[in-house]
N, C-alpha and C. Protein backbone atom coordinates (compact mmCIF):
# COMPACT_ATOMS: atom_id res chain seq x y z
N MET A 1 -20.57 24.66 22.58
CA MET A 1 -21.30 23.64 23.68
C MET A 1 -22.43 24.18 24.05
N CYS A 2 -23.42 23.44 23.55
CA CYS A 2 -24.92 23.85 23.98
C CYS A 2 -25.39 24.05 25.21
N LEU A 3 -26.32 24.48 25.80
CA LEU A 3 -26.87 24.36 27.01
C LEU A 3 -27.74 23.57 27.47
N ALA A 4 -27.97 22.81 26.42
CA ALA A 4 -28.55 21.12 27.00
C ALA A 4 -27.16 20.54 27.38
N SER A 5 -26.13 20.35 26.63
CA SER A 5 -24.99 19.58 27.25
C SER A 5 -24.58 19.78 28.66
N ILE A 6 -24.41 21.28 28.68
CA ILE A 6 -24.21 21.72 30.45
C ILE A 6 -25.37 21.29 31.34
N VAL A 7 -26.56 21.38 30.93
CA VAL A 7 -27.58 20.97 31.90
C VAL A 7 -27.43 19.31 32.26
N MET A 8 -27.12 18.77 31.23
CA MET A 8 -27.18 17.28 31.58
C MET A 8 -25.82 16.89 31.98
N SER A 9 -24.74 17.51 32.02
CA SER A 9 -23.44 17.17 32.59
C SER A 9 -23.44 17.48 33.97
N GLU A 10 -24.29 18.52 34.63
CA GLU A 10 -24.76 18.80 35.62
C GLU A 10 -25.48 17.80 36.67
N VAL A 11 -26.46 17.38 35.80
CA VAL A 11 -27.65 16.59 36.18
C VAL A 11 -26.86 15.13 36.66
N PHE A 12 -26.02 14.63 36.05
CA PHE A 12 -25.51 13.21 35.88
C PHE A 12 -24.09 13.39 36.45
N ALA A 13 -23.73 14.64 36.75
CA ALA A 13 -22.05 14.28 37.32
C ALA A 13 -22.18 13.75 38.60
N PRO A 14 -21.20 12.92 39.32
CA PRO A 14 -21.04 12.10 40.34
C PRO A 14 -20.57 13.28 41.26
N GLU A 15 -21.21 12.67 42.63
CA GLU A 15 -20.92 13.94 43.64
C GLU A 15 -19.90 13.38 44.72
N ILE A 16 -19.01 14.19 45.36
CA ILE A 16 -18.21 13.68 46.55
C ILE A 16 -19.10 13.22 47.62
N VAL A 17 -18.52 12.56 48.57
CA VAL A 17 -19.47 11.73 49.53
C VAL A 17 -18.58 12.05 50.64
N PRO A 18 -18.88 13.10 51.60
CA PRO A 18 -18.19 13.61 52.79
C PRO A 18 -19.03 12.86 54.05
N PHE A 19 -17.99 12.33 54.33
CA PHE A 19 -18.75 11.23 55.81
C PHE A 19 -19.28 11.91 56.75
N GLY A 20 -18.75 13.04 56.91
CA GLY A 20 -19.53 13.84 58.29
C GLY A 20 -20.87 14.38 57.82
N ALA A 21 -21.13 14.72 56.62
CA ALA A 21 -22.43 15.08 56.12
C ALA A 21 -23.43 13.79 55.38
N SER A 22 -22.83 12.52 55.47
CA SER A 22 -23.76 11.70 54.80
C SER A 22 -24.54 10.72 55.54
N ARG A 23 -25.57 10.08 55.40
CA ARG A 23 -25.92 9.34 56.01
C ARG A 23 -25.73 7.86 55.76
N PRO A 24 -24.96 7.17 56.71
CA PRO A 24 -24.44 5.94 56.21
C PRO A 24 -25.54 4.82 56.32
N THR A 25 -25.31 3.65 55.44
CA THR A 25 -26.12 2.45 55.84
C THR A 25 -25.46 1.80 57.10
N ILE A 26 -26.20 1.86 58.03
CA ILE A 26 -25.60 1.08 59.32
C ILE A 26 -25.69 -0.35 59.41
N THR A 27 -25.29 -1.46 59.59
CA THR A 27 -25.16 -2.67 59.73
C THR A 27 -24.78 -3.22 61.33
N ARG A 28 -25.20 -3.76 61.85
CA ARG A 28 -24.67 -4.71 63.05
C ARG A 28 -24.72 -6.32 62.59
N SER A 29 -23.18 -6.77 63.27
CA SER A 29 -23.18 -8.15 62.87
C SER A 29 -22.26 -8.71 63.72
N ARG A 30 -22.15 -10.10 63.76
CA ARG A 30 -21.16 -10.96 64.34
C ARG A 30 -20.57 -12.14 63.63
N PRO A 31 -19.47 -12.45 64.15
CA PRO A 31 -18.73 -13.69 63.26
C PRO A 31 -19.72 -14.81 63.33
N PRO A 32 -20.08 -15.74 62.40
CA PRO A 32 -20.72 -16.71 62.47
C PRO A 32 -19.94 -17.58 63.68
N ARG A 33 -20.86 -18.53 64.34
CA ARG A 33 -20.25 -18.79 65.67
C ARG A 33 -19.10 -20.15 65.28
N ASP A 34 -19.23 -20.75 63.96
CA ASP A 34 -17.98 -21.60 63.79
C ASP A 34 -16.62 -20.92 63.45
N ARG A 35 -16.89 -19.51 63.18
CA ARG A 35 -15.36 -18.76 63.34
C ARG A 35 -15.23 -18.20 64.29
N LEU A 36 -16.01 -17.82 65.48
CA LEU A 36 -16.01 -17.27 66.63
C LEU A 36 -14.78 -18.17 67.48
N LEU A 37 -14.03 -17.37 68.06
CA LEU A 37 -12.82 -18.25 69.17
C LEU A 37 -12.76 -17.76 70.67
N VAL A 38 -13.17 -16.43 70.61
CA VAL A 38 -13.09 -15.84 72.08
C VAL A 38 -14.27 -14.66 71.87
N GLY A 39 -14.84 -14.41 73.17
CA GLY A 39 -15.63 -13.37 73.29
C GLY A 39 -16.61 -13.25 72.66
N ASP A 40 -17.47 -12.45 72.91
CA ASP A 40 -19.26 -12.27 72.49
C ASP A 40 -19.55 -10.96 71.81
N LEU A 41 -18.39 -10.65 70.76
CA LEU A 41 -18.32 -9.66 69.90
C LEU A 41 -19.15 -8.96 68.93
N GLU A 42 -19.36 -7.56 68.51
CA GLU A 42 -20.20 -7.07 67.93
C GLU A 42 -19.60 -6.32 66.80
N HIS A 43 -19.75 -6.31 65.78
CA HIS A 43 -19.64 -5.44 64.64
C HIS A 43 -20.44 -4.49 64.04
N VAL A 44 -20.02 -2.95 64.04
CA VAL A 44 -20.88 -2.40 63.37
C VAL A 44 -20.23 -1.61 62.16
N THR A 45 -20.87 -1.86 61.17
CA THR A 45 -20.34 -1.10 59.89
C THR A 45 -21.05 -0.03 59.25
N ARG A 46 -20.67 1.07 59.04
CA ARG A 46 -21.36 2.33 58.37
C ARG A 46 -20.80 2.28 57.16
N SER A 47 -21.46 1.91 56.07
CA SER A 47 -21.02 2.12 54.80
C SER A 47 -21.64 3.01 54.10
N TYR A 48 -20.48 4.45 53.75
CA TYR A 48 -20.89 5.41 53.24
C TYR A 48 -20.71 5.57 51.72
N PHE A 49 -20.28 4.31 51.04
CA PHE A 49 -20.04 4.39 49.47
C PHE A 49 -19.79 2.97 48.96
N SER A 50 -21.15 2.83 47.97
CA SER A 50 -20.49 1.73 47.23
C SER A 50 -20.85 1.82 45.53
N ASP A 51 -19.71 1.53 44.81
CA ASP A 51 -20.13 1.67 43.49
C ASP A 51 -21.20 0.93 42.81
N SER A 52 -21.50 1.24 41.59
CA SER A 52 -22.65 0.24 40.77
C SER A 52 -22.44 -0.97 40.70
N THR A 53 -21.13 -1.45 40.84
CA THR A 53 -20.59 -2.76 40.42
C THR A 53 -20.79 -3.52 41.87
N GLY A 54 -20.49 -3.06 43.32
CA GLY A 54 -20.51 -3.55 44.42
C GLY A 54 -19.41 -4.07 44.53
N ARG A 55 -18.35 -3.86 43.89
CA ARG A 55 -16.73 -4.22 44.13
C ARG A 55 -16.14 -3.41 44.70
N PHE A 56 -16.58 -2.12 44.65
CA PHE A 56 -15.68 -0.99 45.75
C PHE A 56 -16.75 -0.42 46.73
N SER A 57 -16.14 -0.49 47.66
CA SER A 57 -16.90 0.40 48.88
C SER A 57 -15.98 0.94 49.91
N VAL A 58 -16.64 2.13 50.70
CA VAL A 58 -15.93 2.65 51.71
C VAL A 58 -16.87 2.74 52.92
N GLY A 59 -16.11 2.99 54.18
CA GLY A 59 -17.00 3.45 55.14
C GLY A 59 -16.14 2.96 56.79
N VAL A 60 -16.70 2.93 57.73
CA VAL A 60 -15.88 2.72 58.80
C VAL A 60 -16.73 1.68 59.59
N TRP A 61 -15.70 0.75 60.16
CA TRP A 61 -16.15 -0.57 60.82
C TRP A 61 -15.52 -0.43 61.94
N GLU A 62 -16.43 -1.15 63.35
CA GLU A 62 -16.11 -0.84 64.66
C GLU A 62 -16.23 -2.19 65.29
N SER A 63 -15.46 -2.73 66.39
CA SER A 63 -15.73 -3.81 66.76
C SER A 63 -15.38 -3.86 68.39
N THR A 64 -16.31 -4.69 69.04
CA THR A 64 -15.95 -4.71 70.62
C THR A 64 -14.73 -5.95 70.41
N PRO A 65 -14.24 -6.09 71.83
CA PRO A 65 -13.12 -7.27 71.87
C PRO A 65 -13.38 -8.71 71.65
N GLY A 66 -12.55 -9.48 70.93
CA GLY A 66 -12.87 -10.73 70.72
C GLY A 66 -11.95 -11.25 69.45
N ARG A 67 -11.94 -12.73 69.28
CA ARG A 67 -11.39 -13.16 68.17
C ARG A 67 -11.86 -14.17 67.61
N TRP A 68 -11.56 -14.19 65.88
CA TRP A 68 -12.36 -14.64 65.29
C TRP A 68 -11.50 -14.98 63.89
N ARG A 69 -11.77 -16.48 63.43
CA ARG A 69 -11.33 -16.68 62.24
C ARG A 69 -11.77 -15.87 60.94
N VAL A 70 -10.77 -15.46 59.95
CA VAL A 70 -10.98 -14.85 58.80
C VAL A 70 -10.40 -15.25 57.56
N SER A 71 -11.28 -15.10 56.44
CA SER A 71 -10.93 -15.17 55.49
C SER A 71 -11.42 -14.63 54.35
N TYR A 72 -10.27 -13.66 53.69
CA TYR A 72 -10.51 -12.61 53.03
C TYR A 72 -10.54 -13.07 51.16
N THR A 73 -12.00 -12.47 50.78
CA THR A 73 -12.27 -12.69 49.01
C THR A 73 -11.79 -11.52 48.85
N ARG A 74 -11.71 -10.36 49.14
CA ARG A 74 -11.54 -8.82 48.64
C ARG A 74 -10.28 -8.49 49.21
N ASN A 75 -9.56 -7.23 48.36
CA ASN A 75 -8.74 -6.28 48.95
C ASN A 75 -8.96 -5.72 49.80
N GLU A 76 -8.53 -5.20 51.06
CA GLU A 76 -9.07 -4.42 52.14
C GLU A 76 -7.85 -3.27 52.62
N PHE A 77 -8.03 -2.19 52.51
CA PHE A 77 -7.34 -1.00 52.87
C PHE A 77 -7.67 -0.54 54.31
N SER A 78 -7.26 -0.32 55.26
CA SER A 78 -7.49 0.10 56.73
C SER A 78 -6.87 1.00 57.35
N HIS A 79 -7.41 1.98 57.99
CA HIS A 79 -6.68 2.77 58.89
C HIS A 79 -7.45 2.85 60.11
N LEU A 80 -6.62 2.18 61.38
CA LEU A 80 -7.45 2.58 62.41
C LEU A 80 -7.29 3.92 63.17
N THR A 81 -8.48 4.39 63.57
CA THR A 81 -8.65 5.62 64.26
C THR A 81 -8.73 5.62 65.64
N ARG A 82 -9.24 4.24 65.94
CA ARG A 82 -9.32 3.93 67.81
C ARG A 82 -8.57 2.85 67.81
N GLY A 83 -8.21 2.33 69.27
CA GLY A 83 -7.92 1.19 69.68
C GLY A 83 -7.00 0.05 69.04
N ARG A 84 -6.86 -1.01 69.33
CA ARG A 84 -5.78 -1.87 69.28
C ARG A 84 -6.51 -3.14 68.48
N MET A 85 -5.57 -4.06 67.71
CA MET A 85 -5.88 -5.34 67.12
C MET A 85 -4.61 -6.19 66.81
N ARG A 86 -4.96 -7.52 66.83
CA ARG A 86 -3.94 -7.96 66.40
C ARG A 86 -4.25 -9.01 65.28
N ILE A 87 -3.59 -9.13 63.76
CA ILE A 87 -3.80 -10.07 63.04
C ILE A 87 -2.77 -11.12 62.75
N GLU A 88 -3.17 -12.57 62.61
CA GLU A 88 -2.50 -13.49 62.72
C GLU A 88 -2.52 -14.38 61.62
N ASP A 89 -1.47 -14.64 60.58
CA ASP A 89 -1.94 -15.64 59.21
C ASP A 89 -1.72 -17.07 59.77
N THR A 90 -2.08 -17.73 58.78
CA THR A 90 -2.08 -19.22 58.83
C THR A 90 -0.77 -19.72 59.55
N ARG A 91 0.37 -19.02 58.83
CA ARG A 91 1.58 -19.52 59.13
C ARG A 91 2.43 -18.92 60.67
N GLY A 92 1.29 -18.24 61.34
CA GLY A 92 1.66 -17.67 62.95
C GLY A 92 2.45 -16.57 62.62
N VAL A 93 2.55 -15.80 61.54
CA VAL A 93 3.16 -14.39 61.45
C VAL A 93 1.99 -13.30 62.03
N VAL A 94 2.55 -12.53 63.14
CA VAL A 94 1.46 -11.73 63.87
C VAL A 94 1.79 -10.20 63.39
N TRP A 95 0.89 -9.33 63.45
CA TRP A 95 0.57 -8.23 63.28
C TRP A 95 -0.17 -7.32 64.32
N GLU A 96 0.45 -6.77 65.10
CA GLU A 96 0.11 -6.03 66.24
C GLU A 96 -0.03 -4.38 65.75
N LEU A 97 -1.46 -3.93 65.65
CA LEU A 97 -1.90 -2.59 65.12
C LEU A 97 -2.68 -1.72 66.23
N SER A 98 -2.43 -0.46 66.32
CA SER A 98 -3.02 0.45 67.04
C SER A 98 -3.31 1.64 66.19
N ALA A 99 -4.16 2.57 66.83
CA ALA A 99 -4.65 3.57 66.35
C ALA A 99 -3.37 4.52 65.55
N GLY A 100 -3.76 4.88 64.15
CA GLY A 100 -2.68 5.50 63.46
C GLY A 100 -2.36 4.70 62.51
N ASP A 101 -2.35 3.38 62.80
CA ASP A 101 -1.84 2.24 61.58
C ASP A 101 -2.54 2.28 60.43
N SER A 102 -1.79 2.19 59.48
CA SER A 102 -2.78 1.73 58.19
C SER A 102 -2.45 0.48 57.80
N PHE A 103 -2.85 -0.16 56.74
CA PHE A 103 -2.72 -1.62 56.42
C PHE A 103 -3.19 -2.13 55.40
N VAL A 104 -2.99 -2.83 54.73
CA VAL A 104 -3.70 -3.69 53.65
C VAL A 104 -3.80 -5.04 53.71
N ILE A 105 -5.33 -5.99 53.68
CA ILE A 105 -5.06 -7.08 53.75
C ILE A 105 -5.36 -7.57 52.25
N PRO A 106 -4.78 -8.69 51.75
CA PRO A 106 -4.98 -9.14 50.24
C PRO A 106 -6.26 -9.83 50.33
N ALA A 107 -6.87 -10.17 49.06
CA ALA A 107 -7.67 -11.13 48.73
C ALA A 107 -6.67 -12.48 49.15
N GLY A 108 -7.39 -13.48 49.64
CA GLY A 108 -6.84 -14.59 49.54
C GLY A 108 -6.14 -14.92 51.16
N PHE A 109 -5.86 -13.58 51.79
CA PHE A 109 -5.57 -13.86 53.39
C PHE A 109 -6.01 -14.85 54.12
N SER A 110 -5.86 -15.82 54.88
CA SER A 110 -6.73 -16.20 55.95
C SER A 110 -5.78 -16.46 57.25
N GLY A 111 -6.62 -16.48 58.43
CA GLY A 111 -5.97 -16.32 59.69
C GLY A 111 -6.86 -16.07 60.67
N THR A 112 -6.70 -15.04 61.61
CA THR A 112 -7.19 -14.88 62.99
C THR A 112 -7.28 -13.19 62.92
N CYS A 113 -8.36 -12.61 63.39
CA CYS A 113 -8.48 -11.35 63.87
C CYS A 113 -8.84 -11.54 65.32
N GLU A 114 -7.93 -10.51 66.28
CA GLU A 114 -8.30 -10.34 67.40
C GLU A 114 -8.19 -8.80 67.72
N VAL A 115 -9.51 -8.31 68.25
CA VAL A 115 -9.67 -7.11 68.68
C VAL A 115 -9.28 -6.86 70.13
N LEU A 116 -8.36 -6.10 70.49
CA LEU A 116 -7.60 -6.32 71.89
C LEU A 116 -8.24 -4.93 72.83
N GLU A 117 -8.66 -3.96 72.01
CA GLU A 117 -9.47 -2.93 72.42
C GLU A 117 -10.63 -2.59 71.59
N PRO A 118 -11.69 -2.02 72.23
CA PRO A 118 -12.53 -1.51 71.19
C PRO A 118 -11.67 -0.91 69.90
N VAL A 119 -12.16 -1.10 68.53
CA VAL A 119 -11.59 -0.64 67.38
C VAL A 119 -12.53 -0.03 66.69
N SER A 120 -12.06 1.20 66.18
CA SER A 120 -12.64 1.75 64.84
C SER A 120 -11.66 2.04 63.73
N ARG A 121 -12.22 1.50 62.52
CA ARG A 121 -11.22 1.71 61.55
C ARG A 121 -11.63 2.32 60.11
N LEU A 122 -11.55 2.98 59.23
CA LEU A 122 -11.57 3.26 57.86
C LEU A 122 -11.58 2.20 57.26
N TYR A 123 -12.53 2.02 56.03
CA TYR A 123 -12.08 0.81 55.45
C TYR A 123 -12.09 1.33 53.79
N VAL A 124 -11.74 0.45 53.08
CA VAL A 124 -11.76 0.93 51.63
C VAL A 124 -11.87 -0.68 51.08
N LEU A 125 -12.79 -1.43 50.42
CA LEU A 125 -12.80 -2.42 49.75
C LEU A 125 -12.79 -2.70 48.57
N CYS A 126 -11.71 -3.67 47.79
CA CYS A 126 -11.98 -3.91 46.52
C CYS A 126 -11.92 -5.33 46.12
N GLU A 127 -13.13 -5.77 45.52
CA GLU A 127 -13.25 -7.22 44.91
C GLU A 127 -12.30 -7.19 43.64
N PRO A 128 -11.51 -8.32 43.55
CA PRO A 128 -10.60 -8.39 42.41
C PRO A 128 -11.96 -8.75 41.09
N ALA A 129 -11.28 -8.09 39.90
CA ALA A 129 -12.00 -8.14 38.64
C ALA A 129 -12.07 -10.01 38.71
N PRO A 130 -13.46 -10.35 38.18
CA PRO A 130 -13.48 -11.87 37.66
C PRO A 130 -12.69 -12.29 36.73
N GLN A 131 -12.14 -13.47 36.90
CA GLN A 131 -11.03 -14.06 35.86
C GLN A 131 -11.76 -14.96 34.68
């Protein structure tokens, strides 16, 4: 192995992204009025990583209490670190979730999301491959 290949591999090597030491991209948002059912909630998203395709991303999502309609186009893994929430699908099946719970919302899921107490959750989003 020559020195040039060692230097090149170090320059282009991917790096670990530690949440505590990284500066996230922060966005604030609210559900669109036509999806809002209860409350005047605000979402804060701290995006720590997105791959070059934009189909995979991770971060922290927070929300104040309220209820809104949701429709997922991506697969999402979440782990609640604070608060309580309720998710209901279009058939009326309800999931009550609280700090410490982990769950996956698959692409194609539709229903409602209700934040009962201020929530913080770690998320991993993955857009399905185009067909």
